[in-house]
Amino acid sequence: MTTNKKKSTAKSALNPVKPAQLYLQCLNDERHAVGLDHAKLKVTLARFFFFGQPLFEPLPVRDKASVIDKAIDLRIRRQLWQASKYRQILRLLRRSTKPEDKLFLLAWWLNQEKVCEPEEIVGIGVLRRMAKKKFRGLSATDFQHADTVRVWLPYFNRLVNETSKARALRNL
């Protein structure tokens, strides 16, 4: 546990928020959560799901067993890595038969290279359709319900803890 968490936990134990204040805080948080754009959240999830994983192997590191100079070894490995990425993307693009698949690969690659966001290549409409198809079982109402539960958890956790403490004191 970090020292900040320890301080805030100790501080809250010394000066706990009253249940009425916690209730008002949760009510305010719920009002804020209702205004969230859940369709945008689906697109964000889709962007992470489809384009968040690396397309290529990670950047190579120096081989400790290498007998050549460390800097030269690393430079050679990085150049080979760059060349292999180029050959791999060309191979993947040649194997793709549909234009949408080629655009998807380019979007994935350019996103990984931090050139642009995927929707700049495939278009936001395509990304929304992909999100809708992938997360079709999750409606905006599902997100709203999840947000409501998340917002009220501190309040109900507090009630349950205080009820448990009261019962334990009565049983003594």
N, C-alpha and C. Protein backbone atom coordinates (compact mmCIF):
# COMPACT_ATOMS: atom_id res chain seq x y z
N MET A 1 0.85 -1.16 0.00
CA MET A 1 0.00 0.00 0.00
C MET A 1 0.90 1.23 0.00
N THR A 2 0.57 2.22 -0.80
CA THR A 2 1.39 3.42 -0.88
C THR A 2 1.14 4.29 0.33
N THR A 3 2.06 5.23 0.55
CA THR A 3 1.92 6.09 1.72
C THR A 3 0.73 7.02 1.57
N ASN A 4 0.42 7.45 0.35
CA ASN A 4 -0.76 8.31 0.13
C ASN A 4 -2.03 7.58 0.52
N LYS A 5 -2.13 6.30 0.14
CA LYS A 5 -3.30 5.52 0.49
C LYS A 5 -3.40 5.35 1.99
N LYS A 6 -2.25 5.13 2.63
CA LYS A 6 -2.25 4.97 4.08
C LYS A 6 -2.73 6.24 4.75
N LYS A 7 -2.25 7.39 4.26
CA LYS A 7 -2.66 8.66 4.84
C LYS A 7 -4.14 8.91 4.66
N SER A 8 -4.65 8.66 3.42
CA SER A 8 -6.06 8.90 3.18
C SER A 8 -6.94 7.93 3.96
N THR A 9 -6.49 6.69 4.13
CA THR A 9 -7.25 5.71 4.92
C THR A 9 -7.26 6.12 6.38
N ALA A 10 -6.11 6.54 6.89
CA ALA A 10 -6.04 6.97 8.28
C ALA A 10 -6.87 8.23 8.50
N LYS A 11 -6.80 9.16 7.55
CA LYS A 11 -7.56 10.39 7.64
C LYS A 11 -9.06 10.12 7.61
N SER A 12 -9.50 9.22 6.71
CA SER A 12 -10.92 8.91 6.63
C SER A 12 -11.38 8.15 7.87
N ALA A 13 -10.49 7.41 8.51
CA ALA A 13 -10.87 6.71 9.73
C ALA A 13 -11.06 7.69 10.88
N LEU A 14 -10.24 8.76 10.88
CA LEU A 14 -10.36 9.77 11.92
C LEU A 14 -11.54 10.70 11.68
N ASN A 15 -11.80 11.01 10.43
CA ASN A 15 -12.86 11.96 10.08
C ASN A 15 -13.73 11.35 8.98
N PRO A 16 -14.55 10.33 9.31
CA PRO A 16 -15.32 9.67 8.25
C PRO A 16 -16.44 10.57 7.72
N VAL A 17 -16.75 10.35 6.45
CA VAL A 17 -17.86 11.07 5.82
C VAL A 17 -19.15 10.51 6.39
N LYS A 18 -20.04 11.39 6.73
CA LYS A 18 -21.32 10.96 7.27
C LYS A 18 -22.12 10.27 6.17
N PRO A 19 -22.96 9.29 6.54
CA PRO A 19 -23.75 8.58 5.52
C PRO A 19 -24.59 9.52 4.65
N ALA A 20 -25.14 10.56 5.25
CA ALA A 20 -25.95 11.50 4.47
C ALA A 20 -25.11 12.22 3.42
N GLN A 21 -23.86 12.58 3.78
CA GLN A 21 -22.96 13.22 2.83
C GLN A 21 -22.56 12.25 1.72
N LEU A 22 -22.28 11.02 2.12
CA LEU A 22 -21.92 9.99 1.14
C LEU A 22 -23.08 9.73 0.18
N TYR A 23 -24.30 9.72 0.71
CA TYR A 23 -25.49 9.54 -0.11
C TYR A 23 -25.59 10.66 -1.15
N LEU A 24 -25.42 11.90 -0.72
CA LEU A 24 -25.50 13.04 -1.65
C LEU A 24 -24.38 12.99 -2.69
N GLN A 25 -23.21 12.57 -2.26
CA GLN A 25 -22.09 12.43 -3.19
C GLN A 25 -22.40 11.37 -4.26
N CYS A 26 -22.94 10.23 -3.83
CA CYS A 26 -23.29 9.16 -4.78
C CYS A 26 -24.41 9.61 -5.72
N LEU A 27 -25.36 10.33 -5.18
CA LEU A 27 -26.46 10.85 -6.00
C LEU A 27 -25.93 11.79 -7.08
N ASN A 28 -25.01 12.65 -6.70
CA ASN A 28 -24.39 13.58 -7.65
C ASN A 28 -23.58 12.81 -8.70
N ASP A 29 -22.83 11.80 -8.27
CA ASP A 29 -22.05 10.98 -9.20
C ASP A 29 -22.96 10.24 -10.18
N GLU A 30 -24.12 9.80 -9.70
CA GLU A 30 -25.07 9.11 -10.58
C GLU A 30 -25.60 10.06 -11.64
N ARG A 31 -25.91 11.28 -11.25
CA ARG A 31 -26.39 12.28 -12.23
C ARG A 31 -25.34 12.52 -13.29
N HIS A 32 -24.09 12.57 -12.88
CA HIS A 32 -22.99 12.77 -13.83
C HIS A 32 -22.84 11.55 -14.75
N ALA A 33 -22.96 10.35 -14.20
CA ALA A 33 -22.80 9.12 -14.98
C ALA A 33 -23.89 8.97 -16.03
N VAL A 34 -25.09 9.47 -15.73
CA VAL A 34 -26.20 9.37 -16.69
C VAL A 34 -25.88 10.15 -17.96
N GLY A 35 -25.08 11.21 -17.84
CA GLY A 35 -24.76 12.04 -19.00
C GLY A 35 -23.63 11.51 -19.86
N LEU A 36 -23.03 10.39 -19.48
CA LEU A 36 -21.92 9.84 -20.27
C LEU A 36 -22.41 9.30 -21.60
N ASP A 37 -21.57 9.42 -22.61
CA ASP A 37 -21.89 8.93 -23.95
C ASP A 37 -21.43 7.47 -24.05
N HIS A 38 -22.39 6.55 -23.92
CA HIS A 38 -22.05 5.13 -23.90
C HIS A 38 -21.70 4.60 -25.29
N ALA A 39 -22.22 5.21 -26.33
CA ALA A 39 -21.85 4.81 -27.69
C ALA A 39 -20.36 5.11 -27.91
N LYS A 40 -19.91 6.24 -27.37
CA LYS A 40 -18.50 6.61 -27.48
C LYS A 40 -17.63 5.62 -26.70
N LEU A 41 -18.14 5.17 -25.56
CA LEU A 41 -17.42 4.18 -24.77
C LEU A 41 -17.27 2.87 -25.55
N LYS A 42 -18.31 2.47 -26.26
CA LYS A 42 -18.24 1.25 -27.08
C LYS A 42 -17.15 1.39 -28.15
N VAL A 43 -17.07 2.56 -28.76
CA VAL A 43 -16.05 2.79 -29.80
C VAL A 43 -14.65 2.73 -29.18
N THR A 44 -14.50 3.30 -27.99
CA THR A 44 -13.22 3.25 -27.30
C THR A 44 -12.83 1.81 -26.98
N LEU A 45 -13.81 1.02 -26.51
CA LEU A 45 -13.55 -0.40 -26.24
C LEU A 45 -13.17 -1.13 -27.52
N ALA A 46 -13.86 -0.84 -28.61
CA ALA A 46 -13.56 -1.49 -29.89
C ALA A 46 -12.16 -1.11 -30.36
N ARG A 47 -11.81 0.17 -30.21
CA ARG A 47 -10.47 0.61 -30.63
C ARG A 47 -9.41 -0.17 -29.86
N PHE A 48 -9.61 -0.32 -28.55
CA PHE A 48 -8.65 -1.07 -27.75
C PHE A 48 -8.68 -2.55 -28.13
N PHE A 49 -9.87 -3.12 -28.31
CA PHE A 49 -10.00 -4.55 -28.60
C PHE A 49 -9.36 -4.91 -29.94
N PHE A 50 -9.63 -4.12 -30.98
CA PHE A 50 -9.14 -4.44 -32.32
C PHE A 50 -7.72 -3.95 -32.58
N PHE A 51 -7.35 -2.81 -32.01
CA PHE A 51 -6.07 -2.21 -32.37
C PHE A 51 -5.10 -2.09 -31.19
N GLY A 52 -5.47 -2.57 -30.02
CA GLY A 52 -4.64 -2.42 -28.83
C GLY A 52 -3.51 -3.43 -28.72
N GLN A 53 -3.69 -4.58 -29.35
CA GLN A 53 -2.64 -5.61 -29.28
C GLN A 53 -1.58 -5.32 -30.34
N PRO A 54 -0.33 -5.65 -30.02
CA PRO A 54 0.73 -5.39 -31.00
C PRO A 54 0.60 -6.26 -32.25
N LEU A 55 0.84 -5.67 -33.38
CA LEU A 55 0.82 -6.38 -34.66
C LEU A 55 2.14 -7.11 -34.86
N PHE A 56 3.22 -6.53 -34.36
CA PHE A 56 4.56 -7.09 -34.55
C PHE A 56 5.17 -7.44 -33.20
N GLU A 57 6.24 -8.19 -33.26
CA GLU A 57 7.00 -8.51 -32.05
C GLU A 57 7.57 -7.22 -31.48
N PRO A 58 7.85 -7.19 -30.18
CA PRO A 58 8.41 -5.97 -29.58
C PRO A 58 9.83 -5.70 -30.06
N LEU A 59 10.26 -4.49 -29.81
CA LEU A 59 11.61 -4.05 -30.16
C LEU A 59 12.64 -4.99 -29.53
N PRO A 60 13.64 -5.41 -30.31
CA PRO A 60 14.62 -6.36 -29.76
C PRO A 60 15.53 -5.70 -28.73
N VAL A 61 16.06 -6.55 -27.89
CA VAL A 61 17.05 -6.09 -26.90
C VAL A 61 18.40 -6.70 -27.25
N ARG A 62 19.43 -6.20 -26.63
CA ARG A 62 20.79 -6.68 -26.91
C ARG A 62 20.94 -8.13 -26.47
N ASP A 63 21.62 -8.90 -27.28
CA ASP A 63 21.92 -10.29 -26.94
C ASP A 63 23.12 -10.31 -26.00
N LYS A 64 22.92 -10.79 -24.79
CA LYS A 64 24.00 -10.78 -23.79
C LYS A 64 25.13 -11.73 -24.16
N ALA A 65 24.84 -12.73 -24.95
CA ALA A 65 25.86 -13.69 -25.34
C ALA A 65 26.67 -13.22 -26.56
N SER A 66 26.29 -12.09 -27.14
CA SER A 66 26.95 -11.60 -28.34
C SER A 66 28.39 -11.20 -28.04
N VAL A 67 29.27 -11.50 -28.98
CA VAL A 67 30.68 -11.19 -28.80
C VAL A 67 31.04 -9.83 -29.42
N ILE A 68 30.15 -9.27 -30.22
CA ILE A 68 30.45 -7.97 -30.84
C ILE A 68 30.05 -6.85 -29.89
N ASP A 69 30.43 -5.66 -30.23
CA ASP A 69 30.15 -4.47 -29.42
C ASP A 69 28.65 -4.36 -29.14
N LYS A 70 28.31 -4.00 -27.91
CA LYS A 70 26.91 -3.94 -27.48
C LYS A 70 26.09 -2.98 -28.35
N ALA A 71 26.63 -1.80 -28.61
CA ALA A 71 25.90 -0.79 -29.39
C ALA A 71 25.70 -1.27 -30.83
N ILE A 72 26.72 -1.88 -31.40
CA ILE A 72 26.61 -2.39 -32.78
C ILE A 72 25.60 -3.53 -32.84
N ASP A 73 25.66 -4.43 -31.85
CA ASP A 73 24.72 -5.55 -31.78
C ASP A 73 23.28 -5.06 -31.74
N LEU A 74 23.03 -4.07 -30.89
CA LEU A 74 21.67 -3.55 -30.75
C LEU A 74 21.22 -2.84 -32.02
N ARG A 75 22.11 -2.07 -32.64
CA ARG A 75 21.76 -1.37 -33.88
C ARG A 75 21.44 -2.36 -35.00
N ILE A 76 22.20 -3.43 -35.11
CA ILE A 76 21.94 -4.46 -36.12
C ILE A 76 20.59 -5.13 -35.86
N ARG A 77 20.34 -5.48 -34.60
CA ARG A 77 19.07 -6.14 -34.25
C ARG A 77 17.87 -5.23 -34.56
N ARG A 78 17.99 -3.95 -34.26
CA ARG A 78 16.88 -3.02 -34.54
C ARG A 78 16.65 -2.84 -36.03
N GLN A 79 17.70 -2.78 -36.81
CA GLN A 79 17.55 -2.66 -38.26
C GLN A 79 16.91 -3.91 -38.85
N LEU A 80 17.32 -5.08 -38.37
CA LEU A 80 16.70 -6.33 -38.81
C LEU A 80 15.23 -6.37 -38.42
N TRP A 81 14.93 -5.87 -37.24
CA TRP A 81 13.55 -5.82 -36.75
C TRP A 81 12.70 -4.90 -37.64
N GLN A 82 13.24 -3.74 -37.99
CA GLN A 82 12.51 -2.81 -38.87
C GLN A 82 12.25 -3.45 -40.23
N ALA A 83 13.26 -4.11 -40.77
CA ALA A 83 13.11 -4.76 -42.08
C ALA A 83 12.10 -5.91 -42.01
N SER A 84 12.11 -6.65 -40.92
CA SER A 84 11.17 -7.77 -40.81
C SER A 84 9.73 -7.25 -40.67
N LYS A 85 9.55 -6.11 -39.99
CA LYS A 85 8.21 -5.52 -39.90
C LYS A 85 7.71 -5.12 -41.29
N TYR A 86 8.57 -4.52 -42.07
CA TYR A 86 8.19 -4.12 -43.42
C TYR A 86 7.81 -5.34 -44.26
N ARG A 87 8.63 -6.38 -44.22
CA ARG A 87 8.32 -7.60 -44.98
C ARG A 87 7.02 -8.24 -44.49
N GLN A 88 6.83 -8.24 -43.18
CA GLN A 88 5.62 -8.85 -42.62
C GLN A 88 4.35 -8.09 -43.02
N ILE A 89 4.39 -6.77 -42.98
CA ILE A 89 3.20 -6.00 -43.36
C ILE A 89 2.90 -6.19 -44.84
N LEU A 90 3.93 -6.25 -45.67
CA LEU A 90 3.71 -6.51 -47.09
C LEU A 90 3.09 -7.89 -47.30
N ARG A 91 3.59 -8.89 -46.60
CA ARG A 91 3.04 -10.24 -46.72
C ARG A 91 1.57 -10.27 -46.27
N LEU A 92 1.26 -9.62 -45.18
CA LEU A 92 -0.13 -9.58 -44.69
C LEU A 92 -1.04 -8.86 -45.67
N LEU A 93 -0.56 -7.76 -46.23
CA LEU A 93 -1.38 -7.01 -47.20
C LEU A 93 -1.59 -7.81 -48.48
N ARG A 94 -0.57 -8.53 -48.93
CA ARG A 94 -0.72 -9.35 -50.15
C ARG A 94 -1.72 -10.49 -49.93
N ARG A 95 -1.75 -11.05 -48.72
CA ARG A 95 -2.67 -12.15 -48.42
C ARG A 95 -4.11 -11.67 -48.28
N SER A 96 -4.29 -10.41 -47.93
CA SER A 96 -5.64 -9.88 -47.76
C SER A 96 -6.29 -9.70 -49.13
N THR A 97 -7.48 -10.25 -49.27
CA THR A 97 -8.17 -10.15 -50.56
C THR A 97 -9.17 -9.01 -50.59
N LYS A 98 -9.75 -8.68 -49.45
CA LYS A 98 -10.77 -7.62 -49.41
C LYS A 98 -10.11 -6.28 -49.07
N PRO A 99 -10.58 -5.21 -49.71
CA PRO A 99 -10.03 -3.87 -49.41
C PRO A 99 -10.22 -3.48 -47.94
N GLU A 100 -11.35 -3.91 -47.32
CA GLU A 100 -11.58 -3.57 -45.90
C GLU A 100 -10.51 -4.19 -45.01
N ASP A 101 -10.10 -5.42 -45.35
CA ASP A 101 -9.06 -6.09 -44.56
C ASP A 101 -7.72 -5.36 -44.68
N LYS A 102 -7.43 -4.87 -45.90
CA LYS A 102 -6.19 -4.13 -46.10
C LYS A 102 -6.21 -2.82 -45.31
N LEU A 103 -7.35 -2.15 -45.32
CA LEU A 103 -7.47 -0.91 -44.55
C LEU A 103 -7.33 -1.18 -43.04
N PHE A 104 -7.93 -2.28 -42.60
CA PHE A 104 -7.84 -2.66 -41.19
C PHE A 104 -6.38 -2.89 -40.79
N LEU A 105 -5.64 -3.63 -41.61
CA LEU A 105 -4.22 -3.88 -41.34
C LEU A 105 -3.42 -2.59 -41.32
N LEU A 106 -3.68 -1.71 -42.29
CA LEU A 106 -2.97 -0.44 -42.32
C LEU A 106 -3.29 0.40 -41.09
N ALA A 107 -4.56 0.41 -40.70
CA ALA A 107 -4.96 1.16 -39.51
C ALA A 107 -4.28 0.61 -38.27
N TRP A 108 -4.23 -0.71 -38.17
CA TRP A 108 -3.59 -1.36 -37.02
C TRP A 108 -2.11 -1.01 -36.97
N TRP A 109 -1.45 -1.14 -38.13
CA TRP A 109 -0.02 -0.87 -38.21
C TRP A 109 0.28 0.59 -37.90
N LEU A 110 -0.44 1.53 -38.52
CA LEU A 110 -0.18 2.94 -38.31
C LEU A 110 -0.52 3.37 -36.88
N ASN A 111 -1.49 2.73 -36.28
CA ASN A 111 -1.79 3.01 -34.87
C ASN A 111 -0.64 2.54 -33.98
N GLN A 112 -0.12 1.35 -34.27
CA GLN A 112 0.99 0.82 -33.48
C GLN A 112 2.23 1.70 -33.64
N GLU A 113 2.44 2.23 -34.83
CA GLU A 113 3.60 3.09 -35.08
C GLU A 113 3.36 4.52 -34.60
N LYS A 114 2.18 4.77 -34.02
CA LYS A 114 1.80 6.09 -33.50
C LYS A 114 1.80 7.16 -34.58
N VAL A 115 1.35 6.77 -35.79
CA VAL A 115 1.24 7.70 -36.90
C VAL A 115 -0.12 8.38 -36.87
N CYS A 116 -1.17 7.58 -36.64
CA CYS A 116 -2.53 8.12 -36.59
C CYS A 116 -3.44 7.15 -35.86
N GLU A 117 -4.64 7.62 -35.57
CA GLU A 117 -5.65 6.79 -34.93
C GLU A 117 -6.31 5.89 -35.98
N PRO A 118 -6.78 4.72 -35.59
CA PRO A 118 -7.38 3.78 -36.55
C PRO A 118 -8.55 4.37 -37.34
N GLU A 119 -9.38 5.18 -36.66
CA GLU A 119 -10.55 5.73 -37.36
C GLU A 119 -10.18 6.72 -38.45
N GLU A 120 -8.95 7.23 -38.43
CA GLU A 120 -8.50 8.10 -39.51
C GLU A 120 -8.30 7.31 -40.80
N ILE A 121 -8.08 6.01 -40.70
CA ILE A 121 -7.88 5.16 -41.87
C ILE A 121 -9.18 4.46 -42.25
N VAL A 122 -9.78 3.76 -41.29
CA VAL A 122 -10.99 2.98 -41.61
C VAL A 122 -12.25 3.83 -41.56
N GLY A 123 -12.19 4.97 -40.89
CA GLY A 123 -13.36 5.83 -40.77
C GLY A 123 -14.12 5.53 -39.47
N ILE A 124 -14.69 6.56 -38.90
CA ILE A 124 -15.39 6.40 -37.63
C ILE A 124 -16.64 5.55 -37.80
N GLY A 125 -17.28 5.63 -38.95
CA GLY A 125 -18.49 4.82 -39.21
C GLY A 125 -18.18 3.33 -39.17
N VAL A 126 -17.06 2.95 -39.78
CA VAL A 126 -16.65 1.54 -39.79
C VAL A 126 -16.32 1.09 -38.37
N LEU A 127 -15.62 1.94 -37.63
CA LEU A 127 -15.26 1.59 -36.26
C LEU A 127 -16.52 1.44 -35.39
N ARG A 128 -17.50 2.30 -35.61
CA ARG A 128 -18.77 2.18 -34.87
C ARG A 128 -19.48 0.87 -35.22
N ARG A 129 -19.49 0.52 -36.51
CA ARG A 129 -20.12 -0.75 -36.91
C ARG A 129 -19.40 -1.95 -36.31
N MET A 130 -18.07 -1.88 -36.29
CA MET A 130 -17.28 -2.96 -35.68
C MET A 130 -17.60 -3.07 -34.19
N ALA A 131 -17.72 -1.92 -33.53
CA ALA A 131 -18.05 -1.92 -32.09
C ALA A 131 -19.44 -2.47 -31.87
N LYS A 132 -20.37 -2.06 -32.70
CA LYS A 132 -21.75 -2.53 -32.56
C LYS A 132 -21.83 -4.04 -32.75
N LYS A 133 -21.10 -4.54 -33.76
CA LYS A 133 -21.11 -5.97 -34.03
C LYS A 133 -20.43 -6.76 -32.92
N LYS A 134 -19.27 -6.27 -32.46
CA LYS A 134 -18.51 -6.99 -31.45
C LYS A 134 -19.20 -6.97 -30.09
N PHE A 135 -19.78 -5.83 -29.74
CA PHE A 135 -20.40 -5.68 -28.43
C PHE A 135 -21.92 -5.61 -28.54
N ARG A 136 -22.47 -6.37 -29.47
CA ARG A 136 -23.91 -6.32 -29.72
C ARG A 136 -24.74 -6.73 -28.50
N GLY A 137 -24.17 -7.53 -27.62
CA GLY A 137 -24.89 -7.95 -26.42
C GLY A 137 -24.92 -6.88 -25.34
N LEU A 138 -24.13 -5.81 -25.52
CA LEU A 138 -24.07 -4.74 -24.53
C LEU A 138 -24.81 -3.52 -25.07
N SER A 139 -25.90 -3.17 -24.41
CA SER A 139 -26.65 -1.99 -24.83
C SER A 139 -26.22 -0.78 -24.00
N ALA A 140 -26.67 0.39 -24.42
CA ALA A 140 -26.39 1.61 -23.65
C ALA A 140 -26.99 1.49 -22.26
N THR A 141 -28.12 0.81 -22.16
CA THR A 141 -28.76 0.60 -20.85
C THR A 141 -27.87 -0.25 -19.95
N ASP A 142 -27.20 -1.26 -20.52
CA ASP A 142 -26.28 -2.08 -19.72
C ASP A 142 -25.16 -1.23 -19.13
N PHE A 143 -24.62 -0.33 -19.95
CA PHE A 143 -23.57 0.56 -19.47
C PHE A 143 -24.10 1.49 -18.39
N GLN A 144 -25.31 1.99 -18.58
CA GLN A 144 -25.90 2.89 -17.58
C GLN A 144 -26.12 2.16 -16.25
N HIS A 145 -26.60 0.94 -16.33
CA HIS A 145 -26.83 0.16 -15.10
C HIS A 145 -25.49 -0.12 -14.40
N ALA A 146 -24.48 -0.47 -15.17
CA ALA A 146 -23.16 -0.73 -14.58
C ALA A 146 -22.61 0.53 -13.92
N ASP A 147 -22.78 1.67 -14.58
CA ASP A 147 -22.32 2.93 -13.98
C ASP A 147 -23.08 3.24 -12.69
N THR A 148 -24.37 2.98 -12.68
CA THR A 148 -25.17 3.24 -11.48
C THR A 148 -24.69 2.37 -10.33
N VAL A 149 -24.45 1.11 -10.60
CA VAL A 149 -23.96 0.20 -9.55
C VAL A 149 -22.59 0.67 -9.06
N ARG A 150 -21.70 1.02 -9.98
CA ARG A 150 -20.35 1.47 -9.62
C ARG A 150 -20.41 2.71 -8.74
N VAL A 151 -21.29 3.64 -9.08
CA VAL A 151 -21.40 4.89 -8.34
C VAL A 151 -21.90 4.66 -6.91
N TRP A 152 -22.84 3.73 -6.74
CA TRP A 152 -23.45 3.53 -5.42
C TRP A 152 -22.72 2.51 -4.56
N LEU A 153 -21.72 1.83 -5.07
CA LEU A 153 -20.98 0.84 -4.28
C LEU A 153 -20.41 1.40 -2.97
N PRO A 154 -19.76 2.57 -2.98
CA PRO A 154 -19.22 3.07 -1.70
C PRO A 154 -20.29 3.25 -0.63
N TYR A 155 -21.44 3.73 -1.02
CA TYR A 155 -22.52 3.96 -0.06
C TYR A 155 -23.02 2.65 0.54
N PHE A 156 -23.29 1.68 -0.31
CA PHE A 156 -23.82 0.41 0.18
C PHE A 156 -22.76 -0.42 0.91
N ASN A 157 -21.52 -0.32 0.47
CA ASN A 157 -20.43 -0.98 1.22
C ASN A 157 -20.36 -0.41 2.63
N ARG A 158 -20.49 0.89 2.73
CA ARG A 158 -20.48 1.54 4.05
C ARG A 158 -21.64 1.05 4.91
N LEU A 159 -22.85 0.98 4.31
CA LEU A 159 -24.01 0.50 5.07
C LEU A 159 -23.81 -0.94 5.55
N VAL A 160 -23.32 -1.78 4.68
CA VAL A 160 -23.10 -3.19 5.05
C VAL A 160 -22.06 -3.29 6.16
N ASN A 161 -20.97 -2.53 6.05
CA ASN A 161 -19.92 -2.57 7.08
C ASN A 161 -20.44 -2.08 8.43
N GLU A 162 -21.18 -0.98 8.40
CA GLU A 162 -21.71 -0.45 9.67
C GLU A 162 -22.75 -1.38 10.28
N THR A 163 -23.55 -2.03 9.44
CA THR A 163 -24.54 -3.00 9.94
C THR A 163 -23.82 -4.18 10.57
N SER A 164 -22.76 -4.67 9.92
CA SER A 164 -21.98 -5.79 10.47
C SER A 164 -21.35 -5.42 11.80
N LYS A 165 -20.82 -4.22 11.90
CA LYS A 165 -20.21 -3.75 13.15
C LYS A 165 -21.27 -3.67 14.26
N ALA A 166 -22.44 -3.13 13.90
CA ALA A 166 -23.52 -3.01 14.90
C ALA A 166 -23.97 -4.37 15.40
N ARG A 167 -24.08 -5.34 14.50
CA ARG A 167 -24.47 -6.69 14.90
C ARG A 167 -23.41 -7.32 15.79
N ALA A 168 -22.15 -7.10 15.44
CA ALA A 168 -21.06 -7.67 16.24
C ALA A 168 -21.07 -7.07 17.64
N LEU A 169 -21.34 -5.78 17.76
CA LEU A 169 -21.41 -5.14 19.07
C LEU A 169 -22.58 -5.65 19.89
N ARG A 170 -23.71 -5.90 19.23
CA ARG A 170 -24.90 -6.41 19.94
C ARG A 170 -24.66 -7.84 20.44
N ASN A 171 -23.88 -8.60 19.71
CA ASN A 171 -23.63 -9.99 20.08
C ASN A 171 -22.60 -10.14 21.19
N LEU A 172 -21.94 -9.06 21.57
CA LEU A 172 -20.92 -9.15 22.63
C LEU A 172 -21.52 -9.32 23.97
